[in-house]
Amino acid sequence: MSTRTTSQAGIDLIKKWEGFRPTMYLDAAGRPTIGYGTLIDRPEEQYLRTATITEAEAVELLRRDLVPFEAAVNDAITVHLSQNQFDALVSFVCNVGPGAFRNGSLPRLINQRSDALAISAKWREYRMAGGRVLDGLVKRRRDELFLYWRHLWSLAIVLFLCVGMLLTAGAYTLNA
């Protein structure tokens, strides 16, 4: 069983979409929250309701909060993932919750090594809240998918450059 943890790229993605708030606020569900989306739901955290925290403290809370999300990905996914793929999935689970992830069909598609279109289509389905499509969730899913498939983008760029060089070399040969 893998015990992978989120890299800085994954943390940066989550920070981008959660946003930093140094004082308590109510999240979309009306729950007290602080920092980068840390729910104030433990008895020992109640002091955070009136605290002002630094970004460094918020990152520390975020890293602690990621443990169950990382565990959900580590437990549900049985195939090899790149670090970027793991990070993108942790961001996804951070947003939709471990239960929705484990009980959804996305892990099954990944474990079956489904094609990129099927995985991406399923991933993009998670763009609604309160019965409506949210622009922020559409954009978050786009960023998560970009990170998840980054290795393919890199490969595509290399292939594009190689084809360009071959075509250019062929043009010089024909003109010689």
N, C-alpha and C. Protein backbone atom coordinates (compact mmCIF):
# COMPACT_ATOMS: atom_id res chain seq x y z
N MET A 1 0.84 -1.19 0.00
CA MET A 1 0.00 0.00 0.00
C MET A 1 0.88 1.25 0.00
N SER A 2 0.53 2.19 -0.86
CA SER A 2 1.29 3.42 -0.99
C SER A 2 0.97 4.37 0.16
N THR A 3 1.97 5.13 0.56
CA THR A 3 1.76 6.16 1.57
C THR A 3 2.30 7.48 1.05
N ARG A 4 1.99 7.78 -0.16
CA ARG A 4 2.44 9.01 -0.80
C ARG A 4 1.79 10.22 -0.13
N THR A 5 2.51 11.34 -0.15
CA THR A 5 1.99 12.59 0.39
C THR A 5 2.02 13.66 -0.70
N THR A 6 1.30 14.72 -0.45
CA THR A 6 1.16 15.79 -1.43
C THR A 6 2.43 16.60 -1.56
N SER A 7 2.83 16.88 -2.79
CA SER A 7 4.02 17.69 -3.05
C SER A 7 3.64 19.18 -2.98
N GLN A 8 4.65 20.03 -3.14
CA GLN A 8 4.40 21.46 -3.12
C GLN A 8 3.48 21.89 -4.26
N ALA A 9 3.59 21.23 -5.42
CA ALA A 9 2.70 21.57 -6.55
C ALA A 9 1.24 21.33 -6.18
N GLY A 10 0.98 20.24 -5.49
CA GLY A 10 -0.39 19.94 -5.06
C GLY A 10 -0.87 20.92 -4.01
N ILE A 11 -0.01 21.23 -3.06
CA ILE A 11 -0.37 22.19 -2.01
C ILE A 11 -0.66 23.55 -2.64
N ASP A 12 0.17 23.95 -3.60
CA ASP A 12 -0.05 25.24 -4.27
C ASP A 12 -1.39 25.27 -5.01
N LEU A 13 -1.74 24.16 -5.64
CA LEU A 13 -3.03 24.10 -6.35
C LEU A 13 -4.18 24.24 -5.36
N ILE A 14 -4.11 23.53 -4.27
CA ILE A 14 -5.16 23.60 -3.25
C ILE A 14 -5.24 25.00 -2.66
N LYS A 15 -4.08 25.59 -2.35
CA LYS A 15 -4.06 26.95 -1.81
C LYS A 15 -4.70 27.93 -2.78
N LYS A 16 -4.42 27.77 -4.07
CA LYS A 16 -4.99 28.66 -5.08
C LYS A 16 -6.52 28.63 -5.02
N TRP A 17 -7.08 27.44 -4.93
CA TRP A 17 -8.53 27.32 -4.99
C TRP A 17 -9.22 27.51 -3.66
N GLU A 18 -8.56 27.24 -2.57
CA GLU A 18 -9.18 27.47 -1.26
C GLU A 18 -9.07 28.92 -0.85
N GLY A 19 -7.98 29.59 -1.22
CA GLY A 19 -7.79 30.98 -0.82
C GLY A 19 -7.42 31.08 0.66
N PHE A 20 -6.70 32.12 1.00
CA PHE A 20 -6.25 32.31 2.39
C PHE A 20 -7.11 33.35 3.09
N ARG A 21 -7.58 32.98 4.27
CA ARG A 21 -8.31 33.91 5.12
C ARG A 21 -7.70 33.80 6.52
N PRO A 22 -7.14 34.89 7.05
CA PRO A 22 -6.45 34.83 8.36
C PRO A 22 -7.39 34.77 9.56
N THR A 23 -8.67 35.07 9.33
CA THR A 23 -9.64 35.01 10.42
C THR A 23 -10.79 34.10 10.03
N MET A 24 -11.56 33.70 11.02
CA MET A 24 -12.65 32.79 10.78
C MET A 24 -13.68 33.39 9.82
N TYR A 25 -14.21 32.53 8.97
CA TYR A 25 -15.31 32.88 8.08
C TYR A 25 -16.22 31.67 7.98
N LEU A 26 -17.40 31.84 7.45
CA LEU A 26 -18.31 30.72 7.24
C LEU A 26 -18.18 30.26 5.80
N ASP A 27 -17.94 28.95 5.62
CA ASP A 27 -17.81 28.42 4.26
C ASP A 27 -19.19 28.37 3.59
N ALA A 28 -19.23 27.84 2.38
CA ALA A 28 -20.47 27.81 1.60
C ALA A 28 -21.59 27.04 2.32
N ALA A 29 -21.20 26.11 3.19
CA ALA A 29 -22.19 25.33 3.94
C ALA A 29 -22.48 25.95 5.31
N GLY A 30 -21.88 27.13 5.58
CA GLY A 30 -22.14 27.81 6.85
C GLY A 30 -21.31 27.30 8.02
N ARG A 31 -20.23 26.58 7.73
CA ARG A 31 -19.39 26.03 8.79
C ARG A 31 -18.21 26.96 9.05
N PRO A 32 -17.82 27.13 10.33
CA PRO A 32 -16.68 28.00 10.64
C PRO A 32 -15.39 27.43 10.05
N THR A 33 -14.66 28.31 9.35
CA THR A 33 -13.49 27.91 8.58
C THR A 33 -12.43 29.00 8.72
N ILE A 34 -11.15 28.60 8.54
CA ILE A 34 -10.05 29.57 8.61
C ILE A 34 -8.92 29.10 7.70
N GLY A 35 -8.02 30.03 7.42
CA GLY A 35 -6.82 29.67 6.64
C GLY A 35 -7.14 29.27 5.22
N TYR A 36 -6.64 28.11 4.81
CA TYR A 36 -6.89 27.56 3.48
C TYR A 36 -7.97 26.49 3.54
N GLY A 37 -9.14 26.86 4.08
CA GLY A 37 -10.27 25.94 4.11
C GLY A 37 -10.30 24.98 5.28
N THR A 38 -9.58 25.27 6.35
CA THR A 38 -9.59 24.40 7.53
C THR A 38 -10.88 24.60 8.30
N LEU A 39 -11.65 23.52 8.43
CA LEU A 39 -12.86 23.59 9.24
C LEU A 39 -12.48 23.66 10.72
N ILE A 40 -13.15 24.52 11.44
CA ILE A 40 -12.94 24.61 12.89
C ILE A 40 -14.00 23.71 13.52
N ASP A 41 -13.68 22.42 13.58
CA ASP A 41 -14.68 21.45 14.03
C ASP A 41 -14.21 20.54 15.16
N ARG A 42 -13.01 20.78 15.65
CA ARG A 42 -12.49 19.98 16.76
C ARG A 42 -12.51 20.83 18.04
N PRO A 43 -12.76 20.20 19.17
CA PRO A 43 -12.79 20.98 20.42
C PRO A 43 -11.51 21.78 20.65
N GLU A 44 -10.36 21.20 20.32
CA GLU A 44 -9.09 21.89 20.56
C GLU A 44 -8.84 23.03 19.57
N GLU A 45 -9.70 23.18 18.57
CA GLU A 45 -9.53 24.24 17.57
C GLU A 45 -10.44 25.45 17.81
N GLN A 46 -11.26 25.40 18.83
CA GLN A 46 -12.25 26.45 19.02
C GLN A 46 -11.62 27.83 19.20
N TYR A 47 -10.38 27.88 19.68
CA TYR A 47 -9.69 29.16 19.82
C TYR A 47 -9.52 29.86 18.48
N LEU A 48 -9.55 29.09 17.37
CA LEU A 48 -9.38 29.66 16.04
C LEU A 48 -10.56 30.54 15.62
N ARG A 49 -11.68 30.41 16.31
CA ARG A 49 -12.85 31.23 15.98
C ARG A 49 -12.56 32.72 16.17
N THR A 50 -11.67 33.04 17.10
CA THR A 50 -11.35 34.45 17.37
C THR A 50 -9.90 34.80 17.07
N ALA A 51 -9.16 33.85 16.51
CA ALA A 51 -7.73 34.05 16.24
C ALA A 51 -7.51 34.70 14.88
N THR A 52 -6.33 35.27 14.74
CA THR A 52 -5.82 35.71 13.44
C THR A 52 -4.55 34.91 13.22
N ILE A 53 -4.51 34.14 12.11
CA ILE A 53 -3.37 33.27 11.87
C ILE A 53 -2.55 33.79 10.69
N THR A 54 -1.30 33.36 10.66
CA THR A 54 -0.41 33.71 9.56
C THR A 54 -0.58 32.69 8.43
N GLU A 55 -0.04 33.01 7.27
CA GLU A 55 -0.08 32.06 6.16
C GLU A 55 0.68 30.79 6.51
N ALA A 56 1.79 30.93 7.23
CA ALA A 56 2.56 29.75 7.64
C ALA A 56 1.72 28.84 8.54
N GLU A 57 0.98 29.43 9.46
CA GLU A 57 0.11 28.63 10.33
C GLU A 57 -1.01 27.97 9.51
N ALA A 58 -1.52 28.70 8.52
CA ALA A 58 -2.57 28.15 7.66
C ALA A 58 -2.05 26.96 6.85
N VAL A 59 -0.82 27.06 6.38
CA VAL A 59 -0.22 25.94 5.63
C VAL A 59 -0.05 24.73 6.54
N GLU A 60 0.37 24.97 7.78
CA GLU A 60 0.50 23.87 8.74
C GLU A 60 -0.85 23.18 8.97
N LEU A 61 -1.90 23.97 9.13
CA LEU A 61 -3.24 23.40 9.29
C LEU A 61 -3.65 22.65 8.03
N LEU A 62 -3.35 23.21 6.86
CA LEU A 62 -3.69 22.55 5.60
C LEU A 62 -2.99 21.20 5.49
N ARG A 63 -1.70 21.17 5.80
CA ARG A 63 -0.96 19.89 5.72
C ARG A 63 -1.59 18.84 6.64
N ARG A 64 -2.02 19.26 7.81
CA ARG A 64 -2.70 18.34 8.73
C ARG A 64 -4.02 17.87 8.13
N ASP A 65 -4.75 18.82 7.53
CA ASP A 65 -6.04 18.49 6.93
C ASP A 65 -5.92 17.53 5.75
N LEU A 66 -4.77 17.54 5.06
CA LEU A 66 -4.59 16.71 3.88
C LEU A 66 -4.45 15.23 4.19
N VAL A 67 -4.10 14.88 5.42
CA VAL A 67 -3.83 13.48 5.77
C VAL A 67 -4.98 12.54 5.38
N PRO A 68 -6.24 12.84 5.74
CA PRO A 68 -7.31 11.91 5.33
C PRO A 68 -7.58 11.92 3.83
N PHE A 69 -7.31 13.02 3.16
CA PHE A 69 -7.50 13.08 1.72
C PHE A 69 -6.43 12.26 1.00
N GLU A 70 -5.20 12.36 1.49
CA GLU A 70 -4.12 11.55 0.95
C GLU A 70 -4.40 10.07 1.19
N ALA A 71 -4.91 9.74 2.39
CA ALA A 71 -5.24 8.35 2.70
C ALA A 71 -6.32 7.82 1.77
N ALA A 72 -7.30 8.66 1.45
CA ALA A 72 -8.37 8.23 0.54
C ALA A 72 -7.80 7.88 -0.84
N VAL A 73 -6.89 8.70 -1.33
CA VAL A 73 -6.28 8.43 -2.65
C VAL A 73 -5.39 7.19 -2.54
N ASN A 74 -4.55 7.14 -1.52
CA ASN A 74 -3.66 5.98 -1.35
C ASN A 74 -4.44 4.67 -1.24
N ASP A 75 -5.57 4.70 -0.56
CA ASP A 75 -6.37 3.49 -0.36
C ASP A 75 -7.18 3.10 -1.59
N ALA A 76 -7.72 4.09 -2.30
CA ALA A 76 -8.65 3.81 -3.40
C ALA A 76 -7.96 3.49 -4.71
N ILE A 77 -6.78 4.05 -4.93
CA ILE A 77 -6.11 3.87 -6.22
C ILE A 77 -5.07 2.77 -6.10
N THR A 78 -5.20 1.77 -6.96
CA THR A 78 -4.32 0.60 -6.90
C THR A 78 -3.27 0.59 -8.00
N VAL A 79 -3.37 1.51 -8.95
CA VAL A 79 -2.39 1.57 -10.04
C VAL A 79 -1.37 2.65 -9.72
N HIS A 80 -0.24 2.59 -10.43
CA HIS A 80 0.80 3.60 -10.22
C HIS A 80 0.32 4.97 -10.68
N LEU A 81 0.59 5.98 -9.86
CA LEU A 81 0.30 7.37 -10.21
C LEU A 81 1.60 8.15 -10.21
N SER A 82 1.70 9.11 -11.10
CA SER A 82 2.81 10.05 -11.00
C SER A 82 2.52 10.97 -9.81
N GLN A 83 3.52 11.71 -9.37
CA GLN A 83 3.30 12.64 -8.26
C GLN A 83 2.24 13.68 -8.63
N ASN A 84 2.28 14.18 -9.86
CA ASN A 84 1.28 15.15 -10.30
C ASN A 84 -0.12 14.57 -10.28
N GLN A 85 -0.26 13.33 -10.70
CA GLN A 85 -1.57 12.68 -10.69
C GLN A 85 -2.08 12.54 -9.26
N PHE A 86 -1.20 12.12 -8.36
CA PHE A 86 -1.58 12.00 -6.95
C PHE A 86 -2.01 13.36 -6.41
N ASP A 87 -1.22 14.39 -6.67
CA ASP A 87 -1.52 15.73 -6.18
C ASP A 87 -2.87 16.23 -6.69
N ALA A 88 -3.15 16.01 -7.98
CA ALA A 88 -4.41 16.45 -8.56
C ALA A 88 -5.58 15.72 -7.89
N LEU A 89 -5.42 14.44 -7.64
CA LEU A 89 -6.47 13.68 -6.97
C LEU A 89 -6.68 14.15 -5.54
N VAL A 90 -5.62 14.49 -4.83
CA VAL A 90 -5.77 14.99 -3.46
C VAL A 90 -6.54 16.31 -3.48
N SER A 91 -6.24 17.19 -4.43
CA SER A 91 -7.00 18.43 -4.55
C SER A 91 -8.48 18.13 -4.79
N PHE A 92 -8.74 17.18 -5.66
CA PHE A 92 -10.11 16.77 -5.96
C PHE A 92 -10.81 16.26 -4.70
N VAL A 93 -10.15 15.37 -3.97
CA VAL A 93 -10.73 14.78 -2.75
C VAL A 93 -10.91 15.85 -1.67
N CYS A 94 -9.98 16.77 -1.59
CA CYS A 94 -10.08 17.88 -0.64
C CYS A 94 -11.37 18.65 -0.88
N ASN A 95 -11.79 18.74 -2.12
CA ASN A 95 -12.98 19.51 -2.47
C ASN A 95 -14.26 18.70 -2.38
N VAL A 96 -14.25 17.46 -2.84
CA VAL A 96 -15.50 16.66 -2.87
C VAL A 96 -15.68 15.80 -1.63
N GLY A 97 -14.60 15.53 -0.91
CA GLY A 97 -14.67 14.69 0.29
C GLY A 97 -14.27 13.26 0.01
N PRO A 98 -13.66 12.61 1.01
CA PRO A 98 -13.19 11.23 0.83
C PRO A 98 -14.31 10.24 0.52
N GLY A 99 -15.46 10.39 1.14
CA GLY A 99 -16.57 9.47 0.90
C GLY A 99 -17.08 9.53 -0.52
N ALA A 100 -17.31 10.74 -1.02
CA ALA A 100 -17.78 10.91 -2.40
C ALA A 100 -16.75 10.35 -3.38
N PHE A 101 -15.48 10.53 -3.06
CA PHE A 101 -14.43 10.00 -3.93
C PHE A 101 -14.43 8.48 -3.92
N ARG A 102 -14.37 7.89 -2.74
CA ARG A 102 -14.30 6.42 -2.64
C ARG A 102 -15.53 5.75 -3.25
N ASN A 103 -16.70 6.37 -3.07
CA ASN A 103 -17.94 5.77 -3.55
C ASN A 103 -18.27 6.14 -4.99
N GLY A 104 -17.49 7.01 -5.58
CA GLY A 104 -17.72 7.43 -6.96
C GLY A 104 -17.05 6.49 -7.95
N SER A 105 -17.26 6.77 -9.22
CA SER A 105 -16.69 5.89 -10.25
C SER A 105 -15.33 6.35 -10.75
N LEU A 106 -14.85 7.52 -10.33
CA LEU A 106 -13.54 7.98 -10.80
C LEU A 106 -12.41 7.02 -10.39
N PRO A 107 -12.35 6.57 -9.13
CA PRO A 107 -11.28 5.61 -8.78
C PRO A 107 -11.34 4.33 -9.63
N ARG A 108 -12.55 3.85 -9.91
CA ARG A 108 -12.69 2.64 -10.72
C ARG A 108 -12.13 2.87 -12.12
N LEU A 109 -12.44 4.02 -12.72
CA LEU A 109 -11.93 4.32 -14.06
C LEU A 109 -10.40 4.40 -14.06
N ILE A 110 -9.85 5.04 -13.04
CA ILE A 110 -8.39 5.15 -12.96
C ILE A 110 -7.76 3.77 -12.77
N ASN A 111 -8.32 2.98 -11.86
CA ASN A 111 -7.78 1.64 -11.60
C ASN A 111 -7.91 0.71 -12.79
N GLN A 112 -8.90 0.93 -13.62
CA GLN A 112 -9.07 0.12 -14.84
C GLN A 112 -8.22 0.65 -15.99
N ARG A 113 -7.47 1.70 -15.71
CA ARG A 113 -6.63 2.33 -16.73
C ARG A 113 -7.46 2.76 -17.94
N SER A 114 -8.61 3.35 -17.64
CA SER A 114 -9.47 3.86 -18.71
C SER A 114 -8.74 4.95 -19.47
N ASP A 115 -9.26 5.30 -20.63
CA ASP A 115 -8.59 6.30 -21.46
C ASP A 115 -8.77 7.70 -20.85
N ALA A 116 -7.93 8.60 -21.34
CA ALA A 116 -7.89 9.96 -20.80
C ALA A 116 -9.23 10.68 -20.95
N LEU A 117 -9.93 10.42 -22.03
CA LEU A 117 -11.22 11.08 -22.25
C LEU A 117 -12.25 10.64 -21.22
N ALA A 118 -12.30 9.35 -20.91
CA ALA A 118 -13.28 8.84 -19.93
C ALA A 118 -12.98 9.37 -18.53
N ILE A 119 -11.71 9.34 -18.15
CA ILE A 119 -11.32 9.85 -16.83
C ILE A 119 -11.62 11.34 -16.73
N SER A 120 -11.25 12.08 -17.74
CA SER A 120 -11.46 13.53 -17.73
C SER A 120 -12.94 13.88 -17.70
N ALA A 121 -13.75 13.16 -18.46
CA ALA A 121 -15.20 13.43 -18.49
C ALA A 121 -15.82 13.18 -17.12
N LYS A 122 -15.44 12.09 -16.50
CA LYS A 122 -15.98 11.79 -15.16
C LYS A 122 -15.53 12.85 -14.16
N TRP A 123 -14.27 13.23 -14.23
CA TRP A 123 -13.71 14.24 -13.32
C TRP A 123 -14.50 15.55 -13.42
N ARG A 124 -14.78 15.95 -14.67
CA ARG A 124 -15.47 17.23 -14.91
C ARG A 124 -16.92 17.21 -14.46
N GLU A 125 -17.49 16.03 -14.22
CA GLU A 125 -18.88 15.97 -13.74
C GLU A 125 -19.03 16.62 -12.36
N TYR A 126 -17.96 16.68 -11.60
CA TYR A 126 -17.99 17.22 -10.24
C TYR A 126 -17.81 18.74 -10.28
N ARG A 127 -18.80 19.40 -10.86
CA ARG A 127 -18.71 20.85 -11.03
C ARG A 127 -19.94 21.57 -10.48
N MET A 128 -20.76 20.84 -9.74
CA MET A 128 -22.01 21.42 -9.25
C MET A 128 -22.02 21.51 -7.73
N ALA A 129 -22.75 22.50 -7.26
CA ALA A 129 -23.03 22.65 -5.83
C ALA A 129 -24.40 23.30 -5.72
N GLY A 130 -25.20 22.79 -4.81
CA GLY A 130 -26.54 23.34 -4.66
C GLY A 130 -27.39 23.18 -5.91
N GLY A 131 -27.12 22.15 -6.71
CA GLY A 131 -27.91 21.88 -7.90
C GLY A 131 -27.58 22.72 -9.11
N ARG A 132 -26.49 23.49 -9.04
CA ARG A 132 -26.13 24.31 -10.20
C ARG A 132 -24.63 24.24 -10.46
N VAL A 133 -24.27 24.44 -11.73
CA VAL A 133 -22.87 24.44 -12.13
C VAL A 133 -22.23 25.73 -11.62
N LEU A 134 -21.09 25.58 -10.95
CA LEU A 134 -20.36 26.75 -10.45
C LEU A 134 -19.11 26.96 -11.30
N ASP A 135 -18.94 28.19 -11.77
CA ASP A 135 -17.79 28.54 -12.61
C ASP A 135 -16.48 28.21 -11.89
N GLY A 136 -16.42 28.48 -10.60
CA GLY A 136 -15.20 28.19 -9.84
C GLY A 136 -14.86 26.71 -9.83
N LEU A 137 -15.88 25.84 -9.74
CA LEU A 137 -15.62 24.39 -9.78
C LEU A 137 -15.21 23.94 -11.17
N VAL A 138 -15.79 24.53 -12.20
CA VAL A 138 -15.38 24.21 -13.57
C VAL A 138 -13.90 24.53 -13.75
N LYS A 139 -13.48 25.69 -13.26
CA LYS A 139 -12.08 26.10 -13.40
C LYS A 139 -11.16 25.27 -12.51
N ARG A 140 -11.61 24.92 -11.31
CA ARG A 140 -10.79 24.08 -10.43
C ARG A 140 -10.58 22.72 -11.08
N ARG A 141 -11.64 22.12 -11.65
CA ARG A 141 -11.50 20.82 -12.30
C ARG A 141 -10.54 20.92 -13.49
N ARG A 142 -10.60 22.03 -14.22
CA ARG A 142 -9.68 22.25 -15.35
C ARG A 142 -8.24 22.24 -14.85
N ASP A 143 -7.97 22.97 -13.77
CA ASP A 143 -6.61 23.02 -13.22
C ASP A 143 -6.16 21.66 -12.70
N GLU A 144 -7.07 20.94 -12.03
CA GLU A 144 -6.73 19.61 -11.53
C GLU A 144 -6.40 18.66 -12.68
N LEU A 145 -7.22 18.71 -13.72
CA LEU A 145 -6.97 17.84 -14.88
C LEU A 145 -5.68 18.21 -15.59
N PHE A 146 -5.38 19.49 -15.67
CA PHE A 146 -4.13 19.91 -16.29
C PHE A 146 -2.94 19.33 -15.52
N LEU A 147 -3.01 19.37 -14.19
CA LEU A 147 -1.94 18.79 -13.37
C LEU A 147 -1.91 17.27 -13.53
N TYR A 148 -3.09 16.64 -13.52
CA TYR A 148 -3.17 15.18 -13.63
C TYR A 148 -2.54 14.68 -14.94
N TRP A 149 -2.81 15.40 -16.03
CA TRP A 149 -2.30 14.97 -17.34
C TRP A 149 -1.04 15.72 -17.76
N ARG A 150 -0.36 16.39 -16.85
CA ARG A 150 0.81 17.19 -17.21
C ARG A 150 1.85 16.37 -17.97
N HIS A 151 2.04 15.11 -17.58
CA HIS A 151 3.03 14.28 -18.27
C HIS A 151 2.67 14.11 -19.74
N LEU A 152 1.38 14.07 -20.06
CA LEU A 152 0.98 13.96 -21.47
C LEU A 152 1.21 15.26 -22.22
N TRP A 153 0.97 16.39 -21.53
CA TRP A 153 1.24 17.68 -22.16
C TRP A 153 2.72 17.81 -22.49
N SER A 154 3.57 17.40 -21.57
CA SER A 154 5.02 17.46 -21.81
C SER A 154 5.41 16.59 -23.00
N LEU A 155 4.85 15.38 -23.05
CA LEU A 155 5.12 14.48 -24.15
C LEU A 155 4.63 15.07 -25.47
N ALA A 156 3.45 15.68 -25.46
CA ALA A 156 2.90 16.27 -26.68
C ALA A 156 3.79 17.40 -27.19
N ILE A 157 4.31 18.21 -26.29
CA ILE A 157 5.20 19.30 -26.68
C ILE A 157 6.48 18.76 -27.30
N VAL A 158 7.06 17.73 -26.68
CA VAL A 158 8.28 17.12 -27.21
C VAL A 158 8.02 16.55 -28.60
N LEU A 159 6.90 15.83 -28.76
CA LEU A 159 6.57 15.27 -30.07
C LEU A 159 6.35 16.36 -31.10
N PHE A 160 5.67 17.43 -30.72
CA PHE A 160 5.44 18.55 -31.61
C PHE A 160 6.77 19.15 -32.07
N LEU A 161 7.69 19.34 -31.13
CA LEU A 161 8.99 19.90 -31.48
C LEU A 161 9.78 18.96 -32.39
N CYS A 162 9.72 17.66 -32.11
CA CYS A 162 10.44 16.68 -32.94
C CYS A 162 9.88 16.65 -34.36
N VAL A 163 8.56 16.66 -34.47
CA VAL A 163 7.95 16.66 -35.80
C VAL A 163 8.34 17.93 -36.55
N GLY A 164 8.32 19.05 -35.84
CA GLY A 164 8.73 20.32 -36.45
C GLY A 164 10.16 20.27 -36.95
N MET A 165 11.06 19.67 -36.14
CA MET A 165 12.46 19.57 -36.57
C MET A 165 12.58 18.65 -37.78
N LEU A 166 11.83 17.55 -37.79
CA LEU A 166 11.88 16.63 -38.92
C LEU A 166 11.36 17.29 -40.19
N LEU A 167 10.28 18.03 -40.06
CA LEU A 167 9.73 18.72 -41.23
C LEU A 167 10.69 19.79 -41.74
N THR A 168 11.30 20.50 -40.82
CA THR A 168 12.27 21.54 -41.18
C THR A 168 13.48 20.90 -41.86
N ALA A 169 13.98 19.80 -41.30
CA ALA A 169 15.13 19.11 -41.90
C ALA A 169 14.77 18.57 -43.28
N GLY A 170 13.54 18.06 -43.42
CA GLY A 170 13.09 17.57 -44.72
C GLY A 170 12.99 18.67 -45.73
N ALA A 171 12.57 19.85 -45.33
CA ALA A 171 12.47 20.99 -46.24
C ALA A 171 13.86 21.40 -46.72
N TYR A 172 14.86 21.38 -45.82
CA TYR A 172 16.22 21.74 -46.22
C TYR A 172 16.76 20.68 -47.19
N THR A 173 16.47 19.43 -46.96
CA THR A 173 16.95 18.35 -47.83
C THR A 173 16.35 18.51 -49.23
N LEU A 174 15.05 18.82 -49.29
CA LEU A 174 14.38 18.97 -50.59
C LEU A 174 14.93 20.18 -51.34
N ASN A 175 15.33 21.22 -50.65
CA ASN A 175 15.85 22.43 -51.28
C ASN A 175 17.32 22.33 -51.62
N ALA A 176 17.99 21.30 -51.16
CA ALA A 176 19.44 21.19 -51.36
C ALA A 176 19.79 20.77 -52.77
